[in-house]
Amino acid sequence: MALDIHVPSLGDAEQGKDYDYKSRCEELESALNETRSALDEFQLSSRELEAELEKELENMERQYKDAKRQKERLKMESDDWKVQPPPTHPLFEKGAEFVVQVSTSKDGADAEYECYAEGD
């Protein structure tokens, strides 16, 4: 919005008489009020957007912290598994092979699973 703020020079008496200062002042005041209103709307929408972005940032930071904690927990679990001695159950003895037999009924809905170890 461009404002025409041309004011006739006071040296030209005839042009100065014809110029309606009161209406020009009202025009400028109206433009000022419109500009203030637009500024108020902009500031309100900016505050709303800022609040929304702050909330989103807090959520993202919380998710990041949760993921970081979970990563650390899983790393510790992984390290624990690396340090633990192997289980002593016969199925886990060195050299055992696992064979899985699957038998299904005609319709395939019921499946039975067997797992046993074959020795060397």
Protein backbone atom coordinates (compact mmCIF):
# COMPACT_ATOMS: atom_id res chain seq x y z
CA MET A 1 0.00 0.00 0.00
CA ALA A 2 1.64 3.19 -1.16
CA LEU A 3 0.71 6.42 0.51
CA ASP A 4 0.60 9.64 -1.41
CA ILE A 5 1.92 12.17 1.07
CA HIS A 6 2.32 15.03 -1.34
CA VAL A 7 1.45 18.30 0.34
CA PRO A 8 1.34 21.46 -1.79
CA SER A 9 3.90 24.08 -0.98
CA LEU A 10 2.70 26.91 1.20
CA GLY A 11 4.18 29.44 -1.26
CA ASP A 12 1.39 28.76 -3.75
CA ALA A 13 -1.56 30.39 -2.01
CA GLU A 14 -4.18 29.36 -4.53
CA GLN A 15 -3.20 25.72 -4.53
CA GLY A 16 -3.04 25.76 -0.72
CA LYS A 17 -6.62 27.07 -0.49
CA ASP A 18 -7.95 24.26 -2.64
CA TYR A 19 -6.13 21.58 -0.71
CA ASP A 20 -8.39 20.01 1.89
CA TYR A 21 -6.08 19.36 4.82
CA LYS A 22 -8.82 17.89 6.96
CA SER A 23 -9.78 15.18 4.45
CA ARG A 24 -6.10 14.43 3.78
CA CYS A 25 -5.51 14.05 7.52
CA GLU A 26 -8.46 11.64 7.74
CA GLU A 27 -7.10 9.61 4.82
CA LEU A 28 -3.70 9.31 6.46
CA GLU A 29 -5.27 8.48 9.82
CA SER A 30 -7.36 5.75 8.17
CA ALA A 31 -4.24 4.34 6.49
CA LEU A 32 -2.43 4.42 9.82
CA ASN A 33 -5.29 2.55 11.50
CA GLU A 34 -5.31 -0.09 8.75
CA THR A 35 -1.56 -0.51 9.12
CA ARG A 36 -1.87 -0.85 12.90
CA SER A 37 -4.64 -3.41 12.47
CA ALA A 38 -2.53 -5.42 10.02
CA LEU A 39 0.41 -5.24 12.43
CA ASP A 40 -1.76 -6.44 15.33
CA GLU A 41 -3.03 -9.38 13.25
CA PHE A 42 0.52 -10.23 12.21
CA GLN A 43 1.78 -10.11 15.79
CA LEU A 44 -1.10 -12.31 16.98
CA SER A 45 -0.51 -14.91 14.26
CA SER A 46 3.24 -14.75 14.97
CA ARG A 47 2.67 -15.46 18.68
CA GLU A 48 0.36 -18.37 17.83
CA LEU A 49 2.90 -19.79 15.38
CA GLU A 50 5.72 -19.34 17.89
CA ALA A 51 3.72 -21.17 20.57
CA GLU A 52 2.96 -24.01 18.15
CA LEU A 53 6.61 -24.29 17.12
CA GLU A 54 7.76 -24.24 20.76
CA LYS A 55 5.35 -27.06 21.55
CA GLU A 56 6.55 -29.07 18.56
CA LEU A 57 10.17 -28.45 19.55
CA GLU A 58 9.50 -29.69 23.09
CA ASN A 59 7.87 -32.85 21.70
CA MET A 60 10.80 -33.47 19.36
CA GLU A 61 13.32 -32.94 22.18
CA ARG A 62 11.39 -35.38 24.40
CA GLN A 63 11.30 -37.97 21.61
CA TYR A 64 15.03 -37.48 21.04
CA LYS A 65 15.80 -37.98 24.74
CA ASP A 66 13.59 -41.10 24.85
CA ALA A 67 15.30 -42.54 21.78
CA LYS A 68 18.71 -41.76 23.23
CA ARG A 69 17.80 -43.49 26.53
CA GLN A 70 16.47 -46.51 24.65
CA LYS A 71 19.64 -46.67 22.56
CA GLU A 72 21.79 -46.63 25.70
CA ARG A 73 19.62 -49.30 27.35
CA LEU A 74 19.84 -51.54 24.28
CA LYS A 75 23.59 -51.01 24.06
CA MET A 76 23.95 -52.05 27.70
CA GLU A 77 21.79 -55.14 27.04
CA SER A 78 23.92 -55.96 24.01
CA ASP A 79 27.11 -55.58 26.05
CA ASP A 80 25.62 -57.82 28.76
CA TRP A 81 24.84 -60.51 26.19
CA LYS A 82 28.41 -60.32 24.89
CA VAL A 83 29.82 -60.86 28.40
CA GLN A 84 27.41 -63.59 29.59
CA PRO A 85 28.60 -67.19 29.34
CA PRO A 86 26.68 -69.33 26.85
CA PRO A 87 23.66 -71.25 28.20
CA THR A 88 24.33 -74.83 29.34
CA HIS A 89 21.13 -76.39 27.98
CA PRO A 90 21.86 -79.35 25.64
CA LEU A 91 20.25 -77.56 22.72
CA PHE A 92 22.85 -74.82 23.03
CA GLU A 93 25.88 -77.07 23.31
CA LYS A 94 28.66 -76.57 20.82
CA GLY A 95 28.16 -78.44 17.58
CA ALA A 96 24.42 -78.99 17.98
CA GLU A 97 22.34 -78.50 14.86
CA PHE A 98 18.80 -77.35 15.05
CA VAL A 99 16.20 -78.99 12.91
CA VAL A 100 12.71 -77.64 12.76
CA GLN A 101 9.92 -79.82 11.49
CA VAL A 102 6.65 -78.23 10.54
CA SER A 103 3.56 -80.24 9.98
CA THR A 104 0.36 -78.57 8.92
CA SER A 105 -3.21 -79.70 8.67
CA LYS A 106 -5.06 -79.78 5.35
CA ASP A 107 -6.24 -76.20 5.58
CA GLY A 108 -2.90 -74.97 6.94
CA ALA A 109 -4.52 -73.30 9.92
CA ASP A 110 -3.01 -75.51 12.62
CA ALA A 111 0.72 -75.85 12.59
CA GLU A 112 2.84 -77.91 14.93
CA TYR A 113 6.46 -77.05 15.47
CA GLU A 114 9.12 -79.41 16.79
CA CYS A 115 12.65 -78.48 17.51
CA TYR A 116 15.35 -80.93 18.46
CA ALA A 117 19.11 -81.09 18.32
CA GLU A 118 21.08 -83.53 16.28
CA GLY A 119 24.47 -84.41 17.64
CA ASP A 120 27.69 -84.65 15.62
